[in-house]
């Protein structure tokens, strides 16, 4: 589910950027549409990677030590 959310946010940001590039959004509207999604994306990405780094990856290394090689 988390990865689906990242993909959805990425698609949304791509669409906003493309709309801006096409000239259909001014700079203010571009910022208003892009920045909240980008901020949430980065916050969730940081949290997600912190969980992986602190919990899942150490567990995987204990289960399969060759991963650390």
C-alpha atoms as a PDB file:
ATOM      1  CA  UNK A   1       0.000   0.000   0.000  1.00  0.00           C
ATOM      2  CA  UNK A   2       2.775   2.440   0.867  1.00  0.00           C
ATOM      3  CA  UNK A   3       4.484   1.911  -2.489  1.00  0.00           C
ATOM      4  CA  UNK A   4       1.171   2.408  -4.297  1.00  0.00           C
ATOM      5  CA  UNK A   5       0.837   5.740  -2.485  1.00  0.00           C
ATOM      6  CA  UNK A   6       4.313   6.749  -3.663  1.00  0.00           C
ATOM      7  CA  UNK A   7       3.437   5.825  -7.234  1.00  0.00           C
ATOM      8  CA  UNK A   8       0.153   7.754  -7.056  1.00  0.00           C
ATOM      9  CA  UNK A   9       1.881  10.852  -5.647  1.00  0.00           C
ATOM     10  CA  UNK A  10       4.560  10.602  -8.336  1.00  0.00           C
ATOM     11  CA  UNK A  11       1.926  10.438 -11.066  1.00  0.00           C
ATOM     12  CA  UNK A  12       0.140  13.444  -9.585  1.00  0.00           C
ATOM     13  CA  UNK A  13       3.366  15.468  -9.461  1.00  0.00           C
ATOM     14  CA  UNK A  14       4.181  14.448 -13.050  1.00  0.00           C
ATOM     15  CA  UNK A  15       0.723  15.601 -14.159  1.00  0.00           C
ATOM     16  CA  UNK A  16       1.072  18.938 -12.367  1.00  0.00           C
ATOM     17  CA  UNK A  17       4.525  19.500 -13.892  1.00  0.00           C
ATOM     18  CA  UNK A  18       3.269  18.603 -17.355  1.00  0.00           C
ATOM     19  CA  UNK A  19       0.293  20.958 -16.983  1.00  0.00           C
ATOM     20  CA  UNK A  20       2.685  23.743 -15.965  1.00  0.00           C
ATOM     21  CA  UNK A  21       5.031  23.002 -18.883  1.00  0.00           C
ATOM     22  CA  UNK A  22       2.063  23.127 -21.253  1.00  0.00           C
ATOM     23  CA  UNK A  23       1.326  26.649 -20.043  1.00  0.00           C
ATOM     24  CA  UNK A  24      -1.976  25.719 -18.393  1.00  0.00           C
ATOM     25  CA  UNK A  25      -0.836  26.730 -14.871  1.00  0.00           C
ATOM     26  CA  UNK A  26       0.901  29.886 -13.761  1.00  0.00           C
ATOM     27  CA  UNK A  27       3.803  29.634 -11.342  1.00  0.00           C
ATOM     28  CA  UNK A  28       1.661  30.313  -8.243  1.00  0.00           C
ATOM     29  CA  UNK A  29      -0.862  27.615  -9.167  1.00  0.00           C
ATOM     30  CA  UNK A  30       2.002  25.237  -9.953  1.00  0.00           C
ATOM     31  CA  UNK A  31       3.430  25.744  -6.461  1.00  0.00           C
ATOM     32  CA  UNK A  32      -0.006  25.465  -4.845  1.00  0.00           C
ATOM     33  CA  UNK A  33      -0.667  22.130  -6.580  1.00  0.00           C
ATOM     34  CA  UNK A  34       2.811  20.627  -6.341  1.00  0.00           C
ATOM     35  CA  UNK A  35       4.289  21.588  -2.983  1.00  0.00           C
ATOM     36  CA  UNK A  36       1.759  19.976  -0.616  1.00  0.00           C
ATOM     37  CA  UNK A  37       2.029  16.669  -2.472  1.00  0.00           C
ATOM     38  CA  UNK A  38       5.812  16.890  -2.588  1.00  0.00           C
ATOM     39  CA  UNK A  39       6.033  17.633   1.141  1.00  0.00           C
ATOM     40  CA  UNK A  40       3.813  14.646   2.024  1.00  0.00           C
ATOM     41  CA  UNK A  41       5.720  12.427  -0.402  1.00  0.00           C
ATOM     42  CA  UNK A  42       9.086  13.294   1.138  1.00  0.00           C
ATOM     43  CA  UNK A  43       7.781  12.943   4.687  1.00  0.00           C
ATOM     44  CA  UNK A  44       6.309   9.508   3.996  1.00  0.00           C
ATOM     45  CA  UNK A  45       9.374   8.412   2.035  1.00  0.00           C
ATOM     46  CA  UNK A  46      11.663   9.377   4.908  1.00  0.00           C
ATOM     47  CA  UNK A  47       9.472   7.554   7.436  1.00  0.00           C
ATOM     48  CA  UNK A  48       9.206   4.496   5.211  1.00  0.00           C
ATOM     49  CA  UNK A  49      12.969   4.269   4.728  1.00  0.00           C
ATOM     50  CA  UNK A  50      13.614   4.789   8.437  1.00  0.00           C
ATOM     51  CA  UNK A  51      11.361   1.810   9.225  1.00  0.00           C
ATOM     52  CA  UNK A  52      13.111  -0.316   6.615  1.00  0.00           C
ATOM     53  CA  UNK A  53      16.568   0.696   7.842  1.00  0.00           C
ATOM     54  CA  UNK A  54      15.880   0.284  11.550  1.00  0.00           C
ATOM     55  CA  UNK A  55      13.550  -2.721  11.530  1.00  0.00           C
ATOM     56  CA  UNK A  56      13.220  -4.741   8.329  1.00  0.00           C
ATOM     57  CA  UNK A  57      16.790  -4.745   7.016  1.00  0.00           C
ATOM     58  CA  UNK A  58      18.353  -5.853  10.350  1.00  0.00           C
ATOM     59  CA  UNK A  59      15.733  -8.604  10.564  1.00  0.00           C
ATOM     60  CA  UNK A  60      16.492  -9.739   7.017  1.00  0.00           C
ATOM     61  CA  UNK A  61      20.240  -9.801   7.819  1.00  0.00           C
ATOM     62  CA  UNK A  62      19.629 -12.023  10.847  1.00  0.00           C
ATOM     63  CA  UNK A  63      17.510 -14.376   8.755  1.00  0.00           C
ATOM     64  CA  UNK A  64      19.955 -14.384   5.840  1.00  0.00           C
ATOM     65  CA  UNK A  65      23.470 -13.207   6.807  1.00  0.00           C
ATOM     66  CA  UNK A  66      24.713 -13.324   3.204  1.00  0.00           C
ATOM     67  CA  UNK A  67      22.669 -10.156   2.534  1.00  0.00           C
ATOM     68  CA  UNK A  68      25.339  -8.171   4.421  1.00  0.00           C
ATOM     69  CA  UNK A  69      28.128  -9.379   2.141  1.00  0.00           C
END
